[in-house]
Amino acid sequence: MHRAIPAVLITAAAFVVVWQFEPQPSTVVALPQTSSAATAGGGAGSQAVDGTAVSTRWGTVQVRAVFSNGKLTDVQLVQMPNDRHGIRALPTLKAEALKAQSANIDTVSGATVTSEAYAQSLQAAIDSRK
């Protein structure tokens, strides 16, 4: 019983330290800009539109939506946070957006903030195209 009390106190103290930990935002990785015409989408009838840059606690997320003949054919990254969870989520987010043909996509577990920023930037690109 005498050993249990210090163990509980140490565990509680460790919990408080971890609970108060607030990670610092990671650096933003800016990707090279391309023109918003045929070079980004490839070919006539292609249009590339940049979404708004969405700031998160992990960094900035910005996408470029590429449309060919009115269909969403690619989603490229203009800016992304240097966060391992967010980076791992990007292929899934892109696949979901292309499948849905919209920004109405599910968030990726473990990368909720990045997922929401991705969808918000994509929606802005889609809206500005109309």
N, C-alpha and C. Protein backbone atom coordinates (compact mmCIF):
# COMPACT_ATOMS: atom_id res chain seq x y z
N MET A 1 0.82 -1.20 0.00
CA MET A 1 0.00 0.00 0.00
C MET A 1 0.86 1.26 0.00
N HIS A 2 1.99 1.23 0.70
CA HIS A 2 2.85 2.41 0.77
C HIS A 2 3.49 2.71 -0.57
N ARG A 3 3.69 1.71 -1.39
CA ARG A 3 4.28 1.92 -2.72
C ARG A 3 3.23 2.43 -3.71
N ALA A 4 2.00 2.12 -3.47
CA ALA A 4 0.93 2.52 -4.39
C ALA A 4 0.71 4.03 -4.40
N ILE A 5 0.82 4.67 -3.27
CA ILE A 5 0.57 6.11 -3.19
C ILE A 5 1.58 6.89 -4.03
N PRO A 6 2.90 6.66 -3.88
CA PRO A 6 3.83 7.39 -4.75
C PRO A 6 3.63 7.06 -6.24
N ALA A 7 3.30 5.82 -6.54
CA ALA A 7 3.08 5.45 -7.94
C ALA A 7 1.90 6.21 -8.53
N VAL A 8 0.83 6.35 -7.76
CA VAL A 8 -0.34 7.09 -8.23
C VAL A 8 -0.01 8.57 -8.38
N LEU A 9 0.75 9.13 -7.45
CA LEU A 9 1.12 10.55 -7.53
C LEU A 9 2.02 10.82 -8.73
N ILE A 10 2.97 9.95 -8.98
CA ILE A 10 3.87 10.12 -10.12
C ILE A 10 3.08 10.00 -11.43
N THR A 11 2.17 9.04 -11.48
CA THR A 11 1.34 8.87 -12.68
C THR A 11 0.48 10.10 -12.92
N ALA A 12 -0.12 10.64 -11.86
CA ALA A 12 -0.95 11.84 -11.99
C ALA A 12 -0.12 13.03 -12.45
N ALA A 13 1.09 13.18 -11.90
CA ALA A 13 1.96 14.29 -12.30
C ALA A 13 2.35 14.16 -13.77
N ALA A 14 2.67 12.95 -14.19
CA ALA A 14 3.03 12.72 -15.59
C ALA A 14 1.84 13.02 -16.51
N PHE A 15 0.66 12.64 -16.09
CA PHE A 15 -0.54 12.91 -16.88
C PHE A 15 -0.75 14.41 -17.05
N VAL A 16 -0.55 15.18 -15.99
CA VAL A 16 -0.73 16.63 -16.06
C VAL A 16 0.28 17.24 -17.03
N VAL A 17 1.52 16.79 -16.99
CA VAL A 17 2.55 17.31 -17.88
C VAL A 17 2.19 17.01 -19.33
N VAL A 18 1.80 15.79 -19.61
CA VAL A 18 1.44 15.41 -20.98
C VAL A 18 0.18 16.14 -21.42
N TRP A 19 -0.79 16.28 -20.56
CA TRP A 19 -2.04 16.95 -20.89
C TRP A 19 -1.81 18.42 -21.25
N GLN A 20 -0.86 19.07 -20.61
CA GLN A 20 -0.59 20.48 -20.87
C GLN A 20 0.35 20.69 -22.05
N PHE A 21 0.90 19.63 -22.59
CA PHE A 21 1.80 19.73 -23.73
C PHE A 21 1.03 20.23 -24.94
N GLU A 22 1.54 21.28 -25.55
CA GLU A 22 0.92 21.82 -26.76
C GLU A 22 1.99 21.87 -27.84
N PRO A 23 1.85 21.02 -28.85
CA PRO A 23 2.88 20.98 -29.88
C PRO A 23 2.97 22.29 -30.64
N GLN A 24 4.17 22.61 -31.07
CA GLN A 24 4.39 23.81 -31.84
C GLN A 24 4.04 23.54 -33.30
N PRO A 25 3.54 24.56 -34.00
CA PRO A 25 3.24 24.35 -35.42
C PRO A 25 4.51 24.01 -36.17
N SER A 26 4.37 23.12 -37.11
CA SER A 26 5.52 22.75 -37.92
C SER A 26 5.70 23.75 -39.05
N THR A 27 6.84 23.68 -39.67
CA THR A 27 7.11 24.60 -40.75
C THR A 27 6.26 24.25 -41.96
N VAL A 28 5.99 25.24 -42.77
CA VAL A 28 5.18 25.06 -43.97
C VAL A 28 6.11 24.74 -45.13
N VAL A 29 5.74 23.76 -45.90
CA VAL A 29 6.48 23.41 -47.09
C VAL A 29 5.73 24.01 -48.27
N ALA A 30 6.33 25.00 -48.93
CA ALA A 30 5.69 25.62 -50.09
C ALA A 30 6.14 24.86 -51.33
N LEU A 31 5.18 24.46 -52.13
CA LEU A 31 5.47 23.73 -53.34
C LEU A 31 5.56 24.71 -54.50
N PRO A 32 6.31 24.38 -55.54
CA PRO A 32 6.48 25.31 -56.64
C PRO A 32 5.16 25.64 -57.33
N GLN A 33 5.02 26.89 -57.73
CA GLN A 33 3.81 27.35 -58.41
C GLN A 33 3.91 27.02 -59.89
N THR A 34 2.80 26.64 -60.47
CA THR A 34 2.71 26.48 -61.92
C THR A 34 1.60 27.36 -62.40
N SER A 35 1.53 27.58 -63.69
CA SER A 35 0.44 28.40 -64.20
C SER A 35 -0.87 27.66 -64.03
N SER A 36 -1.95 28.39 -64.05
CA SER A 36 -3.24 27.77 -63.79
C SER A 36 -3.96 27.35 -65.08
N ALA A 37 -3.25 27.22 -66.15
CA ALA A 37 -3.89 26.81 -67.40
C ALA A 37 -3.52 25.37 -67.74
N ALA A 38 -3.25 25.12 -68.97
CA ALA A 38 -3.06 23.75 -69.44
C ALA A 38 -1.84 23.07 -68.83
N THR A 39 -0.84 23.80 -68.38
CA THR A 39 0.35 23.14 -67.84
C THR A 39 0.04 22.35 -66.59
N ALA A 40 -0.91 22.82 -65.78
CA ALA A 40 -1.24 22.10 -64.55
C ALA A 40 -2.12 20.89 -64.81
N GLY A 41 -2.98 20.96 -65.77
CA GLY A 41 -3.92 19.88 -66.00
C GLY A 41 -3.58 19.04 -67.22
N GLY A 42 -2.87 19.62 -68.15
CA GLY A 42 -2.47 18.89 -69.33
C GLY A 42 -3.53 18.87 -70.40
N GLY A 43 -3.42 19.78 -71.36
CA GLY A 43 -4.29 19.71 -72.52
C GLY A 43 -5.35 20.77 -72.56
N ALA A 44 -5.97 20.83 -73.75
CA ALA A 44 -7.04 21.80 -73.95
C ALA A 44 -8.24 21.40 -73.11
N GLY A 45 -8.99 22.37 -72.67
CA GLY A 45 -10.15 22.10 -71.85
C GLY A 45 -9.80 21.88 -70.39
N SER A 46 -8.53 22.02 -70.05
CA SER A 46 -8.09 21.86 -68.67
C SER A 46 -8.03 23.21 -67.99
N GLN A 47 -8.37 23.19 -66.72
CA GLN A 47 -8.31 24.41 -65.93
C GLN A 47 -7.85 24.05 -64.53
N ALA A 48 -6.90 24.79 -64.01
CA ALA A 48 -6.41 24.59 -62.65
C ALA A 48 -6.77 25.82 -61.83
N VAL A 49 -7.34 25.58 -60.66
CA VAL A 49 -7.78 26.68 -59.81
C VAL A 49 -7.23 26.45 -58.41
N ASP A 50 -6.55 27.47 -57.88
CA ASP A 50 -6.02 27.38 -56.52
C ASP A 50 -7.11 27.68 -55.51
N GLY A 51 -7.16 26.86 -54.47
CA GLY A 51 -8.05 27.12 -53.34
C GLY A 51 -7.41 28.12 -52.40
N THR A 52 -8.13 28.53 -51.41
CA THR A 52 -7.58 29.45 -50.43
C THR A 52 -6.58 28.71 -49.54
N ALA A 53 -5.63 29.45 -49.02
CA ALA A 53 -4.68 28.90 -48.06
C ALA A 53 -5.36 28.88 -46.70
N VAL A 54 -5.42 27.70 -46.09
CA VAL A 54 -6.09 27.54 -44.81
C VAL A 54 -5.04 27.29 -43.74
N SER A 55 -4.96 28.20 -42.77
CA SER A 55 -4.00 28.06 -41.69
C SER A 55 -4.56 27.15 -40.60
N THR A 56 -3.72 26.24 -40.14
CA THR A 56 -4.08 25.36 -39.03
C THR A 56 -2.96 25.43 -38.01
N ARG A 57 -3.18 24.79 -36.89
CA ARG A 57 -2.12 24.79 -35.86
C ARG A 57 -0.92 23.97 -36.32
N TRP A 58 -1.08 23.17 -37.37
CA TRP A 58 0.02 22.34 -37.89
C TRP A 58 0.72 22.99 -39.07
N GLY A 59 0.16 24.09 -39.58
CA GLY A 59 0.73 24.75 -40.74
C GLY A 59 -0.38 25.11 -41.73
N THR A 60 0.00 25.52 -42.91
CA THR A 60 -0.95 25.97 -43.92
C THR A 60 -1.21 24.86 -44.94
N VAL A 61 -2.47 24.73 -45.32
CA VAL A 61 -2.87 23.76 -46.34
C VAL A 61 -3.52 24.54 -47.48
N GLN A 62 -3.05 24.28 -48.71
CA GLN A 62 -3.64 24.89 -49.89
C GLN A 62 -3.55 23.89 -51.03
N VAL A 63 -4.64 23.74 -51.76
CA VAL A 63 -4.67 22.81 -52.88
C VAL A 63 -4.96 23.54 -54.18
N ARG A 64 -4.64 22.87 -55.26
CA ARG A 64 -4.97 23.33 -56.62
C ARG A 64 -5.84 22.24 -57.24
N ALA A 65 -7.05 22.59 -57.62
CA ALA A 65 -7.97 21.65 -58.25
C ALA A 65 -7.81 21.76 -59.76
N VAL A 66 -7.65 20.61 -60.40
CA VAL A 66 -7.49 20.57 -61.85
C VAL A 66 -8.75 19.94 -62.44
N PHE A 67 -9.33 20.65 -63.40
CA PHE A 67 -10.55 20.20 -64.05
C PHE A 67 -10.27 19.98 -65.53
N SER A 68 -10.79 18.90 -66.07
CA SER A 68 -10.73 18.63 -67.50
C SER A 68 -12.14 18.31 -67.97
N ASN A 69 -12.59 19.12 -68.95
CA ASN A 69 -13.95 18.95 -69.47
C ASN A 69 -15.00 18.94 -68.36
N GLY A 70 -14.83 19.82 -67.39
CA GLY A 70 -15.80 19.96 -66.32
C GLY A 70 -15.68 18.96 -65.19
N LYS A 71 -14.74 18.04 -65.28
CA LYS A 71 -14.59 16.99 -64.27
C LYS A 71 -13.31 17.22 -63.46
N LEU A 72 -13.40 17.00 -62.15
CA LEU A 72 -12.23 17.11 -61.29
C LEU A 72 -11.30 15.93 -61.60
N THR A 73 -10.12 16.22 -62.12
CA THR A 73 -9.20 15.16 -62.53
C THR A 73 -7.96 15.04 -61.68
N ASP A 74 -7.65 16.09 -60.91
CA ASP A 74 -6.45 16.05 -60.07
C ASP A 74 -6.59 17.08 -58.96
N VAL A 75 -5.97 16.78 -57.85
CA VAL A 75 -5.86 17.74 -56.75
C VAL A 75 -4.39 17.78 -56.38
N GLN A 76 -3.78 18.92 -56.58
CA GLN A 76 -2.36 19.10 -56.31
C GLN A 76 -2.18 19.94 -55.05
N LEU A 77 -1.05 19.78 -54.42
CA LEU A 77 -0.76 20.57 -53.22
C LEU A 77 0.05 21.80 -53.58
N VAL A 78 -0.39 22.93 -53.10
CA VAL A 78 0.35 24.17 -53.25
C VAL A 78 1.15 24.40 -51.97
N GLN A 79 0.50 24.22 -50.82
CA GLN A 79 1.16 24.32 -49.52
C GLN A 79 0.63 23.19 -48.64
N MET A 80 1.52 22.64 -47.84
CA MET A 80 1.09 21.62 -46.89
C MET A 80 1.91 21.72 -45.63
N PRO A 81 1.33 21.36 -44.50
CA PRO A 81 2.10 21.40 -43.26
C PRO A 81 3.11 20.26 -43.25
N ASN A 82 4.19 20.47 -42.55
CA ASN A 82 5.21 19.44 -42.42
C ASN A 82 4.86 18.61 -41.18
N ASP A 83 3.78 17.87 -41.28
CA ASP A 83 3.25 17.06 -40.19
C ASP A 83 3.09 15.64 -40.70
N ARG A 84 3.67 14.68 -40.02
CA ARG A 84 3.69 13.31 -40.53
C ARG A 84 2.29 12.71 -40.69
N HIS A 85 1.38 13.02 -39.79
CA HIS A 85 0.02 12.48 -39.90
C HIS A 85 -0.70 13.09 -41.10
N GLY A 86 -0.55 14.40 -41.25
CA GLY A 86 -1.18 15.08 -42.38
C GLY A 86 -0.61 14.62 -43.71
N ILE A 87 0.69 14.44 -43.77
CA ILE A 87 1.32 14.00 -45.00
C ILE A 87 0.85 12.60 -45.38
N ARG A 88 0.71 11.73 -44.40
CA ARG A 88 0.23 10.38 -44.69
C ARG A 88 -1.22 10.37 -45.13
N ALA A 89 -1.98 11.36 -44.74
CA ALA A 89 -3.40 11.41 -45.09
C ALA A 89 -3.64 11.94 -46.50
N LEU A 90 -2.69 12.65 -47.07
CA LEU A 90 -2.90 13.34 -48.34
C LEU A 90 -3.31 12.42 -49.49
N PRO A 91 -2.68 11.26 -49.70
CA PRO A 91 -3.14 10.39 -50.79
C PRO A 91 -4.59 9.93 -50.61
N THR A 92 -4.98 9.67 -49.39
CA THR A 92 -6.36 9.25 -49.13
C THR A 92 -7.33 10.39 -49.41
N LEU A 93 -6.98 11.60 -48.98
CA LEU A 93 -7.83 12.76 -49.22
C LEU A 93 -7.99 13.02 -50.72
N LYS A 94 -6.90 12.92 -51.45
CA LYS A 94 -6.96 13.13 -52.90
C LYS A 94 -7.86 12.08 -53.56
N ALA A 95 -7.67 10.82 -53.20
CA ALA A 95 -8.48 9.74 -53.78
C ALA A 95 -9.96 9.93 -53.47
N GLU A 96 -10.27 10.33 -52.25
CA GLU A 96 -11.67 10.56 -51.86
C GLU A 96 -12.28 11.73 -52.64
N ALA A 97 -11.50 12.80 -52.82
CA ALA A 97 -12.00 13.97 -53.54
C ALA A 97 -12.27 13.62 -55.01
N LEU A 98 -11.37 12.87 -55.62
CA LEU A 98 -11.56 12.49 -57.02
C LEU A 98 -12.74 11.55 -57.18
N LYS A 99 -12.90 10.66 -56.21
CA LYS A 99 -14.03 9.72 -56.25
C LYS A 99 -15.36 10.46 -56.07
N ALA A 100 -15.40 11.39 -55.12
CA ALA A 100 -16.63 12.14 -54.83
C ALA A 100 -16.89 13.26 -55.82
N GLN A 101 -15.83 13.68 -56.54
CA GLN A 101 -15.93 14.82 -57.45
C GLN A 101 -16.38 16.08 -56.71
N SER A 102 -15.97 16.17 -55.44
CA SER A 102 -16.33 17.33 -54.63
C SER A 102 -15.41 17.38 -53.41
N ALA A 103 -15.66 18.38 -52.58
CA ALA A 103 -14.92 18.51 -51.33
C ALA A 103 -15.66 17.87 -50.18
N ASN A 104 -16.75 17.19 -50.47
CA ASN A 104 -17.53 16.51 -49.45
C ASN A 104 -16.89 15.15 -49.19
N ILE A 105 -15.81 15.16 -48.42
CA ILE A 105 -15.03 13.95 -48.15
C ILE A 105 -14.92 13.72 -46.65
N ASP A 106 -14.68 12.47 -46.29
CA ASP A 106 -14.50 12.14 -44.88
C ASP A 106 -13.12 12.57 -44.42
N THR A 107 -13.01 12.89 -43.13
CA THR A 107 -11.71 13.19 -42.57
C THR A 107 -10.94 11.90 -42.34
N VAL A 108 -9.63 12.01 -42.34
CA VAL A 108 -8.78 10.86 -42.09
C VAL A 108 -8.45 10.84 -40.60
N SER A 109 -8.67 9.71 -39.98
CA SER A 109 -8.41 9.56 -38.55
C SER A 109 -6.94 9.86 -38.26
N GLY A 110 -6.71 10.70 -37.27
CA GLY A 110 -5.36 11.08 -36.90
C GLY A 110 -4.88 12.33 -37.62
N ALA A 111 -5.64 12.76 -38.62
CA ALA A 111 -5.28 13.97 -39.37
C ALA A 111 -6.54 14.80 -39.62
N THR A 112 -7.35 14.93 -38.61
CA THR A 112 -8.63 15.63 -38.74
C THR A 112 -8.46 17.08 -39.14
N VAL A 113 -7.54 17.77 -38.50
CA VAL A 113 -7.34 19.19 -38.78
C VAL A 113 -6.87 19.39 -40.22
N THR A 114 -5.90 18.59 -40.65
CA THR A 114 -5.41 18.68 -42.02
C THR A 114 -6.51 18.30 -43.01
N SER A 115 -7.29 17.28 -42.70
CA SER A 115 -8.39 16.85 -43.58
C SER A 115 -9.41 17.96 -43.77
N GLU A 116 -9.78 18.63 -42.69
CA GLU A 116 -10.76 19.70 -42.78
C GLU A 116 -10.22 20.89 -43.56
N ALA A 117 -8.95 21.22 -43.36
CA ALA A 117 -8.33 22.32 -44.11
C ALA A 117 -8.23 21.97 -45.60
N TYR A 118 -7.91 20.73 -45.91
CA TYR A 118 -7.83 20.25 -47.29
C TYR A 118 -9.19 20.41 -47.96
N ALA A 119 -10.23 19.96 -47.31
CA ALA A 119 -11.58 20.06 -47.86
C ALA A 119 -12.01 21.51 -48.03
N GLN A 120 -11.65 22.36 -47.08
CA GLN A 120 -12.02 23.77 -47.15
C GLN A 120 -11.32 24.45 -48.33
N SER A 121 -10.04 24.18 -48.51
CA SER A 121 -9.29 24.76 -49.63
C SER A 121 -9.83 24.24 -50.96
N LEU A 122 -10.13 22.94 -51.02
CA LEU A 122 -10.68 22.36 -52.24
C LEU A 122 -12.04 22.97 -52.57
N GLN A 123 -12.89 23.14 -51.56
CA GLN A 123 -14.21 23.74 -51.80
C GLN A 123 -14.07 25.16 -52.33
N ALA A 124 -13.11 25.91 -51.81
CA ALA A 124 -12.89 27.27 -52.31
C ALA A 124 -12.46 27.25 -53.77
N ALA A 125 -11.64 26.29 -54.16
CA ALA A 125 -11.21 26.17 -55.55
C ALA A 125 -12.40 25.82 -56.45
N ILE A 126 -13.22 24.90 -55.98
CA ILE A 126 -14.41 24.51 -56.75
C ILE A 126 -15.37 25.69 -56.90
N ASP A 127 -15.59 26.42 -55.82
CA ASP A 127 -16.50 27.55 -55.83
C ASP A 127 -16.00 28.68 -56.75
N SER A 128 -14.69 28.92 -56.76
CA SER A 128 -14.16 30.03 -57.56
C SER A 128 -14.16 29.69 -59.04
N ARG A 129 -14.27 28.44 -59.37
CA ARG A 129 -14.31 28.00 -60.76
C ARG A 129 -15.64 28.31 -61.40
N LYS A 130 -16.70 28.32 -60.62
CA LYS A 130 -18.07 28.48 -61.15
C LYS A 130 -18.34 29.89 -61.59
